[in-house]
Amino acid sequence: MEHPFLFFTKLFGMIGLGDWAGSNPHVIYSWVVIALLVGLGALATKGISMIPTKAQNVSELVVSGIEEFMVTITGEEGRWLMPLAGTVFLYVFIGNLIGLVPGFFPPTANLNTTASIALVVVVFTHIIGIKYHGAKYIKHFLGPVWWMSPLIFLIEIIGHLARILSLSFRLFGNMMGHEIVLAILFGLAGAFFAPLPIMALGIFVSFVQGFVFFLLSVIYFTGAMEHAH
């Protein structure tokens, strides 16, 4: 989708990288999201004390909330997965959310971004499986009946590849659709604040899409940790 003005793209254009920036706004705004997360993390952890500041209180609430929700699904054994799963949720949520700011582009509205996140999640799922089961992890792909193992193996491989596609296209489709609706409303009735209800709904959509991506990731991790049946 063509954007009339993207703030950071214009900045890159000033240093002679306009063509590259115009073709890859998702990369630039991924960097922006990363910088925001690092900055917020640094702010929240600055001067940690027994008497917490407001920033420390908020960060502890967010982190503990994500962690405890994870543990209800994975059990205590899955607590070590919090850094990756929590980062996925926060990156997707903030990446969705910045698209509501004029002059900003949500990196999650590009298929390259969503596919890269999905690929990390699915590959790490298998790393977890190998960590917990070693060579026996292959049993997850063979099914309970030995003579059906070749067919089950093929179906499982297709299913795991489909996870990448489903994670990628679900997030990409929702965020790109929201971007298109916002652009149309701004073009038709921006002066009359018609897009405001859609923008308010966009905050909810940003959270839901981040939560769904996070939840599915945790479910995949949990499945890899469990013994094959």
C-alpha atoms as a PDB file:
ATOM      1  CA  MET A   1       0.000   0.000   0.000  1.00  0.00           C
ATOM      2  CA  GLU A   2       1.325   3.440  -0.918  1.00  0.00           C
ATOM      3  CA  HIS A   3       1.790   5.837   1.989  1.00  0.00           C
ATOM      4  CA  PRO A   4       1.763   9.595   1.273  1.00  0.00           C
ATOM      5  CA  PHE A   5       4.170  10.361   4.123  1.00  0.00           C
ATOM      6  CA  LEU A   6       6.313   8.175   6.343  1.00  0.00           C
ATOM      7  CA  PHE A   7       8.417  10.127   8.804  1.00  0.00           C
ATOM      8  CA  PHE A   8      11.442   7.837   9.107  1.00  0.00           C
ATOM      9  CA  THR A   9      11.407   7.059   5.382  1.00  0.00           C
ATOM     10  CA  LYS A  10      11.781  10.778   4.733  1.00  0.00           C
ATOM     11  CA  LEU A  11      14.680  10.926   7.175  1.00  0.00           C
ATOM     12  CA  PHE A  12      16.478   8.157   5.298  1.00  0.00           C
ATOM     13  CA  GLY A  13      15.770  10.016   2.073  1.00  0.00           C
ATOM     14  CA  MET A  14      17.669  13.026   3.428  1.00  0.00           C
ATOM     15  CA  ILE A  15      20.831  10.935   3.674  1.00  0.00           C
ATOM     16  CA  GLY A  16      20.509   9.498   0.175  1.00  0.00           C
ATOM     17  CA  LEU A  17      18.724   6.230   1.023  1.00  0.00           C
ATOM     18  CA  GLY A  18      15.277   7.301  -0.136  1.00  0.00           C
ATOM     19  CA  ASP A  19      14.838   4.582  -2.767  1.00  0.00           C
ATOM     20  CA  TRP A  20      15.814   1.794  -0.367  1.00  0.00           C
ATOM     21  CA  ALA A  21      13.732   3.255   2.464  1.00  0.00           C
ATOM     22  CA  GLY A  22      10.702   3.650   0.198  1.00  0.00           C
ATOM     23  CA  SER A  23      10.903  -0.028  -0.775  1.00  0.00           C
ATOM     24  CA  ASN A  24      11.534  -1.317   2.756  1.00  0.00           C
ATOM     25  CA  PRO A  25       9.506   0.710   5.259  1.00  0.00           C
ATOM     26  CA  HIS A  26       8.821  -2.480   7.240  1.00  0.00           C
ATOM     27  CA  VAL A  27      12.556  -2.834   7.952  1.00  0.00           C
ATOM     28  CA  ILE A  28      12.907   0.761   9.116  1.00  0.00           C
ATOM     29  CA  TYR A  29       9.850   0.598  11.338  1.00  0.00           C
ATOM     30  CA  SER A  30      10.957  -2.760  12.723  1.00  0.00           C
ATOM     31  CA  TRP A  31      14.066  -0.914  13.904  1.00  0.00           C
ATOM     32  CA  VAL A  32      11.795   1.749  15.388  1.00  0.00           C
ATOM     33  CA  VAL A  33       9.825  -0.900  17.313  1.00  0.00           C
ATOM     34  CA  ILE A  34      13.054  -2.500  18.550  1.00  0.00           C
ATOM     35  CA  ALA A  35      14.342   0.904  19.674  1.00  0.00           C
ATOM     36  CA  LEU A  36      11.068   1.585  21.493  1.00  0.00           C
ATOM     37  CA  LEU A  37      11.185  -1.758  23.301  1.00  0.00           C
ATOM     38  CA  VAL A  38      14.831  -1.308  24.280  1.00  0.00           C
ATOM     39  CA  GLY A  39      14.150   2.258  25.430  1.00  0.00           C
ATOM     40  CA  LEU A  40      11.099   1.272  27.462  1.00  0.00           C
ATOM     41  CA  GLY A  41      13.027  -1.628  28.982  1.00  0.00           C
ATOM     42  CA  ALA A  42      15.923   0.642  29.926  1.00  0.00           C
ATOM     43  CA  LEU A  43      13.534   3.197  31.403  1.00  0.00           C
ATOM     44  CA  ALA A  44      11.672   0.576  33.423  1.00  0.00           C
ATOM     45  CA  THR A  45      14.846  -0.977  34.830  1.00  0.00           C
ATOM     46  CA  LYS A  46      16.624   2.283  35.577  1.00  0.00           C
ATOM     47  CA  GLY A  47      17.091   2.652  39.307  1.00  0.00           C
ATOM     48  CA  ILE A  48      15.328  -0.567  40.358  1.00  0.00           C
ATOM     49  CA  SER A  49      14.642  -0.481  44.087  1.00  0.00           C
ATOM     50  CA  MET A  50      12.567  -2.098  46.807  1.00  0.00           C
ATOM     51  CA  ILE A  51      10.279   0.915  46.581  1.00  0.00           C
ATOM     52  CA  PRO A  52       9.339   0.728  42.895  1.00  0.00           C
ATOM     53  CA  THR A  53       8.771   3.712  40.671  1.00  0.00           C
ATOM     54  CA  LYS A  54       5.686   3.982  38.475  1.00  0.00           C
ATOM     55  CA  ALA A  55       7.641   2.735  35.456  1.00  0.00           C
ATOM     56  CA  GLN A  56       8.930  -0.220  37.459  1.00  0.00           C
ATOM     57  CA  ASN A  57       5.415  -1.024  38.697  1.00  0.00           C
ATOM     58  CA  VAL A  58       4.001  -1.006  35.173  1.00  0.00           C
ATOM     59  CA  SER A  59       6.838  -3.124  33.754  1.00  0.00           C
ATOM     60  CA  GLU A  60       6.566  -5.657  36.576  1.00  0.00           C
ATOM     61  CA  LEU A  61       2.813  -5.876  36.022  1.00  0.00           C
ATOM     62  CA  VAL A  62       3.249  -6.489  32.295  1.00  0.00           C
ATOM     63  CA  VAL A  63       6.072  -9.014  32.633  1.00  0.00           C
ATOM     64  CA  SER A  64       4.489 -10.940  35.516  1.00  0.00           C
ATOM     65  CA  GLY A  65       1.120 -10.969  33.747  1.00  0.00           C
ATOM     66  CA  ILE A  66       2.609 -12.451  30.583  1.00  0.00           C
ATOM     67  CA  GLU A  67       4.676 -14.953  32.567  1.00  0.00           C
ATOM     68  CA  GLU A  68       1.836 -16.160  34.791  1.00  0.00           C
ATOM     69  CA  PHE A  69      -0.479 -16.566  31.812  1.00  0.00           C
ATOM     70  CA  MET A  70       2.212 -18.638  30.101  1.00  0.00           C
ATOM     71  CA  VAL A  71       2.657 -20.848  33.143  1.00  0.00           C
ATOM     72  CA  THR A  72      -1.068 -21.664  33.211  1.00  0.00           C
ATOM     73  CA  ILE A  73      -0.588 -23.248  29.774  1.00  0.00           C
ATOM     74  CA  THR A  74       2.907 -24.714  29.912  1.00  0.00           C
ATOM     75  CA  GLY A  75       3.210 -25.410  33.624  1.00  0.00           C
ATOM     76  CA  GLU A  76       6.206 -24.366  35.709  1.00  0.00           C
ATOM     77  CA  GLU A  77       8.504 -26.202  33.301  1.00  0.00           C
ATOM     78  CA  GLY A  78       7.772 -23.647  30.603  1.00  0.00           C
ATOM     79  CA  ARG A  79       8.701 -20.564  32.610  1.00  0.00           C
ATOM     80  CA  TRP A  80      12.106 -20.370  30.880  1.00  0.00           C
ATOM     81  CA  LEU A  81      10.328 -19.723  27.570  1.00  0.00           C
ATOM     82  CA  MET A  82       9.041 -16.373  28.815  1.00  0.00           C
ATOM     83  CA  PRO A  83      11.803 -14.198  27.244  1.00  0.00           C
ATOM     84  CA  LEU A  84      11.063 -15.375  23.709  1.00  0.00           C
ATOM     85  CA  ALA A  85       7.273 -15.637  24.002  1.00  0.00           C
ATOM     86  CA  GLY A  86       7.026 -12.319  25.834  1.00  0.00           C
ATOM     87  CA  THR A  87       9.216 -10.598  23.253  1.00  0.00           C
ATOM     88  CA  VAL A  88       7.033 -11.957  20.447  1.00  0.00           C
ATOM     89  CA  PHE A  89       3.915 -10.562  22.107  1.00  0.00           C
ATOM     90  CA  LEU A  90       5.400  -7.134  22.845  1.00  0.00           C
ATOM     91  CA  TYR A  91       7.014  -6.803  19.405  1.00  0.00           C
ATOM     92  CA  VAL A  92       3.814  -7.732  17.567  1.00  0.00           C
ATOM     93  CA  PHE A  93       1.622  -5.559  19.793  1.00  0.00           C
ATOM     94  CA  ILE A  94       3.840  -2.459  19.543  1.00  0.00           C
ATOM     95  CA  GLY A  95       4.429  -3.147  15.840  1.00  0.00           C
ATOM     96  CA  ASN A  96       0.683  -3.179  15.277  1.00  0.00           C
ATOM     97  CA  LEU A  97       0.089  -0.160  17.479  1.00  0.00           C
ATOM     98  CA  ILE A  98       2.512   2.274  15.850  1.00  0.00           C
ATOM     99  CA  GLY A  99       0.518   2.010  12.629  1.00  0.00           C
ATOM    100  CA  LEU A 100      -2.115   4.199  14.313  1.00  0.00           C
ATOM    101  CA  VAL A 101       0.373   7.070  14.567  1.00  0.00           C
ATOM    102  CA  PRO A 102       0.348   9.382  11.518  1.00  0.00           C
ATOM    103  CA  GLY A 103       3.614   9.079   9.619  1.00  0.00           C
ATOM    104  CA  PHE A 104       4.324   5.589  10.968  1.00  0.00           C
ATOM    105  CA  PHE A 105       3.998   2.225   9.243  1.00  0.00           C
ATOM    106  CA  PRO A 106       3.224  -1.008  11.130  1.00  0.00           C
ATOM    107  CA  PRO A 107       5.970  -3.510  10.208  1.00  0.00           C
ATOM    108  CA  THR A 108       3.453  -6.306  10.846  1.00  0.00           C
ATOM    109  CA  ALA A 109       1.508  -5.138   7.787  1.00  0.00           C
ATOM    110  CA  ASN A 110       4.284  -6.604   5.637  1.00  0.00           C
ATOM    111  CA  LEU A 111       4.420 -10.330   4.946  1.00  0.00           C
ATOM    112  CA  ASN A 112       8.220 -10.423   5.235  1.00  0.00           C
ATOM    113  CA  THR A 113       7.995  -9.326   8.867  1.00  0.00           C
ATOM    114  CA  THR A 114       5.210 -11.691   9.892  1.00  0.00           C
ATOM    115  CA  ALA A 115       6.839 -14.633   8.086  1.00  0.00           C
ATOM    116  CA  SER A 116      10.170 -14.000   9.828  1.00  0.00           C
ATOM    117  CA  ILE A 117       8.520 -13.995  13.267  1.00  0.00           C
ATOM    118  CA  ALA A 118       6.548 -17.133  12.420  1.00  0.00           C
ATOM    119  CA  LEU A 119       9.699 -18.854  11.196  1.00  0.00           C
ATOM    120  CA  VAL A 120      11.498 -18.088  14.456  1.00  0.00           C
ATOM    121  CA  VAL A 121       8.589 -19.493  16.477  1.00  0.00           C
ATOM    122  CA  VAL A 122       8.271 -22.699  14.457  1.00  0.00           C
ATOM    123  CA  VAL A 123      12.021 -23.375  14.326  1.00  0.00           C
ATOM    124  CA  PHE A 124      12.327 -22.772  18.069  1.00  0.00           C
ATOM    125  CA  THR A 125       9.416 -25.172  18.616  1.00  0.00           C
ATOM    126  CA  HIS A 126      11.546 -27.966  17.169  1.00  0.00           C
ATOM    127  CA  ILE A 127      14.588 -26.853  19.149  1.00  0.00           C
ATOM    128  CA  ILE A 128      12.463 -27.270  22.284  1.00  0.00           C
ATOM    129  CA  GLY A 129      11.349 -30.714  21.121  1.00  0.00           C
ATOM    130  CA  ILE A 130      14.930 -31.862  20.576  1.00  0.00           C
ATOM    131  CA  LYS A 131      16.019 -30.339  23.912  1.00  0.00           C
ATOM    132  CA  TYR A 132      13.371 -32.292  25.834  1.00  0.00           C
ATOM    133  CA  HIS A 133      13.262 -35.552  23.887  1.00  0.00           C
ATOM    134  CA  GLY A 134      16.468 -35.828  21.879  1.00  0.00           C
ATOM    135  CA  ALA A 135      16.206 -38.253  18.957  1.00  0.00           C
ATOM    136  CA  LYS A 136      12.873 -39.510  20.339  1.00  0.00           C
ATOM    137  CA  TYR A 137      11.310 -36.231  19.225  1.00  0.00           C
ATOM    138  CA  ILE A 138      10.776 -37.906  15.855  1.00  0.00           C
ATOM    139  CA  LYS A 139       7.914 -39.853  17.488  1.00  0.00           C
ATOM    140  CA  HIS A 140       5.874 -36.636  17.416  1.00  0.00           C
ATOM    141  CA  PHE A 141       5.791 -37.030  13.630  1.00  0.00           C
ATOM    142  CA  LEU A 142       5.094 -40.762  13.348  1.00  0.00           C
ATOM    143  CA  GLY A 143       1.776 -41.293  15.106  1.00  0.00           C
ATOM    144  CA  PRO A 144       0.717 -44.177  17.392  1.00  0.00           C
ATOM    145  CA  VAL A 145       0.414 -46.873  14.667  1.00  0.00           C
ATOM    146  CA  TRP A 146       3.681 -47.961  13.054  1.00  0.00           C
ATOM    147  CA  TRP A 147       2.241 -49.038   9.705  1.00  0.00           C
ATOM    148  CA  MET A 148       0.703 -45.582   9.195  1.00  0.00           C
ATOM    149  CA  SER A 149       3.916 -43.762  10.110  1.00  0.00           C
ATOM    150  CA  PRO A 150       4.887 -42.712   6.533  1.00  0.00           C
ATOM    151  CA  LEU A 151       1.480 -41.107   5.952  1.00  0.00           C
ATOM    152  CA  ILE A 152       1.373 -39.503   9.406  1.00  0.00           C
ATOM    153  CA  PHE A 153       4.909 -38.185   8.928  1.00  0.00           C
ATOM    154  CA  LEU A 154       3.924 -36.489   5.651  1.00  0.00           C
ATOM    155  CA  ILE A 155       0.800 -34.998   7.223  1.00  0.00           C
ATOM    156  CA  GLU A 156       2.783 -33.711  10.218  1.00  0.00           C
ATOM    157  CA  ILE A 157       5.397 -32.063   7.986  1.00  0.00           C
ATOM    158  CA  ILE A 158       2.660 -30.336   5.996  1.00  0.00           C
ATOM    159  CA  GLY A 159       0.974 -29.298   9.239  1.00  0.00           C
ATOM    160  CA  HIS A 160       4.139 -27.734  10.666  1.00  0.00           C
ATOM    161  CA  LEU A 161       4.791 -25.859   7.422  1.00  0.00           C
ATOM    162  CA  ALA A 162       1.183 -24.673   7.529  1.00  0.00           C
ATOM    163  CA  ARG A 163       1.865 -23.176  10.949  1.00  0.00           C
ATOM    164  CA  ILE A 164       4.273 -20.729   9.337  1.00  0.00           C
ATOM    165  CA  LEU A 165       1.706 -19.787   6.714  1.00  0.00           C
ATOM    166  CA  SER A 166      -1.176 -19.444   9.170  1.00  0.00           C
ATOM    167  CA  LEU A 167       0.786 -17.318  11.644  1.00  0.00           C
ATOM    168  CA  SER A 168       2.161 -15.135   8.843  1.00  0.00           C
ATOM    169  CA  PHE A 169      -0.984 -14.541   6.815  1.00  0.00           C
ATOM    170  CA  ARG A 170      -3.351 -14.121   9.770  1.00  0.00           C
ATOM    171  CA  LEU A 171      -1.353 -11.241  11.224  1.00  0.00           C
ATOM    172  CA  PHE A 172      -0.397  -9.742   7.865  1.00  0.00           C
ATOM    173  CA  GLY A 173      -3.968  -9.874   6.523  1.00  0.00           C
ATOM    174  CA  ASN A 174      -5.521  -8.259   9.582  1.00  0.00           C
ATOM    175  CA  MET A 175      -2.996  -5.448   9.823  1.00  0.00           C
ATOM    176  CA  MET A 176      -2.882  -4.710   6.108  1.00  0.00           C
ATOM    177  CA  GLY A 177      -6.688  -4.680   6.000  1.00  0.00           C
ATOM    178  CA  HIS A 178      -6.774  -2.225   8.884  1.00  0.00           C
ATOM    179  CA  GLU A 179      -4.203  -0.018   7.139  1.00  0.00           C
ATOM    180  CA  ILE A 180      -6.255   0.052   3.949  1.00  0.00           C
ATOM    181  CA  VAL A 181      -9.473   0.949   5.794  1.00  0.00           C
ATOM    182  CA  LEU A 182      -7.706   3.760   7.661  1.00  0.00           C
ATOM    183  CA  ALA A 183      -6.183   5.131   4.457  1.00  0.00           C
ATOM    184  CA  ILE A 184      -9.579   5.142   2.688  1.00  0.00           C
ATOM    185  CA  LEU A 185     -11.335   6.864   5.596  1.00  0.00           C
ATOM    186  CA  PHE A 186      -8.602   9.466   5.960  1.00  0.00           C
ATOM    187  CA  GLY A 187      -8.826  10.162   2.234  1.00  0.00           C
ATOM    188  CA  LEU A 188     -12.611  10.484   2.200  1.00  0.00           C
ATOM    189  CA  ALA A 189     -13.411  12.163   5.492  1.00  0.00           C
ATOM    190  CA  GLY A 190     -10.235  12.866   7.457  1.00  0.00           C
ATOM    191  CA  ALA A 191     -11.308  16.407   8.250  1.00  0.00           C
ATOM    192  CA  PHE A 192     -14.468  15.147   9.935  1.00  0.00           C
ATOM    193  CA  PHE A 193     -12.652  12.642  12.171  1.00  0.00           C
ATOM    194  CA  ALA A 194     -14.416   9.664  10.589  1.00  0.00           C
ATOM    195  CA  PRO A 195     -11.330   7.449  11.091  1.00  0.00           C
ATOM    196  CA  LEU A 196     -11.314   7.957  14.882  1.00  0.00           C
ATOM    197  CA  PRO A 197     -13.679   5.059  15.688  1.00  0.00           C
ATOM    198  CA  ILE A 198     -11.601   2.799  13.446  1.00  0.00           C
ATOM    199  CA  MET A 199      -8.429   3.973  15.181  1.00  0.00           C
ATOM    200  CA  ALA A 200      -9.964   3.217  18.588  1.00  0.00           C
ATOM    201  CA  LEU A 201     -10.905  -0.229  17.309  1.00  0.00           C
ATOM    202  CA  GLY A 202      -7.352  -0.529  15.974  1.00  0.00           C
ATOM    203  CA  ILE A 203      -5.941  -0.437  19.514  1.00  0.00           C
ATOM    204  CA  PHE A 204      -8.111  -3.423  20.388  1.00  0.00           C
ATOM    205  CA  VAL A 205      -7.192  -5.215  17.154  1.00  0.00           C
ATOM    206  CA  SER A 206      -3.486  -4.574  17.790  1.00  0.00           C
ATOM    207  CA  PHE A 207      -3.732  -6.206  21.203  1.00  0.00           C
ATOM    208  CA  VAL A 208      -5.831  -9.152  20.022  1.00  0.00           C
ATOM    209  CA  GLN A 209      -3.523  -9.944  17.105  1.00  0.00           C
ATOM    210  CA  GLY A 210      -0.470  -9.771  19.355  1.00  0.00           C
ATOM    211  CA  PHE A 211      -2.176 -11.972  21.932  1.00  0.00           C
ATOM    212  CA  VAL A 212      -3.279 -14.565  19.350  1.00  0.00           C
ATOM    213  CA  PHE A 213       0.242 -14.792  17.926  1.00  0.00           C
ATOM    214  CA  PHE A 214       1.636 -15.138  21.457  1.00  0.00           C
ATOM    215  CA  LEU A 215      -0.965 -17.734  22.475  1.00  0.00           C
ATOM    216  CA  LEU A 216      -0.397 -19.919  19.419  1.00  0.00           C
ATOM    217  CA  SER A 217       3.366 -19.708  19.949  1.00  0.00           C
ATOM    218  CA  VAL A 218       2.999 -20.884  23.555  1.00  0.00           C
ATOM    219  CA  ILE A 219       0.704 -23.726  22.478  1.00  0.00           C
ATOM    220  CA  TYR A 220       3.271 -24.879  19.919  1.00  0.00           C
ATOM    221  CA  PHE A 221       6.040 -24.722  22.535  1.00  0.00           C
ATOM    222  CA  THR A 222       3.922 -26.738  24.965  1.00  0.00           C
ATOM    223  CA  GLY A 223       3.186 -29.387  22.341  1.00  0.00           C
ATOM    224  CA  ALA A 224       6.889 -29.824  21.688  1.00  0.00           C
ATOM    225  CA  MET A 225       7.578 -30.243  25.408  1.00  0.00           C
ATOM    226  CA  GLU A 226       4.973 -32.973  25.841  1.00  0.00           C
ATOM    227  CA  HIS A 227       5.668 -36.653  25.230  1.00  0.00           C
ATOM    228  CA  ALA A 228       4.427 -38.128  21.954  1.00  0.00           C
ATOM    229  CA  HIS A 229       1.284 -40.229  22.187  1.00  0.00           C
END
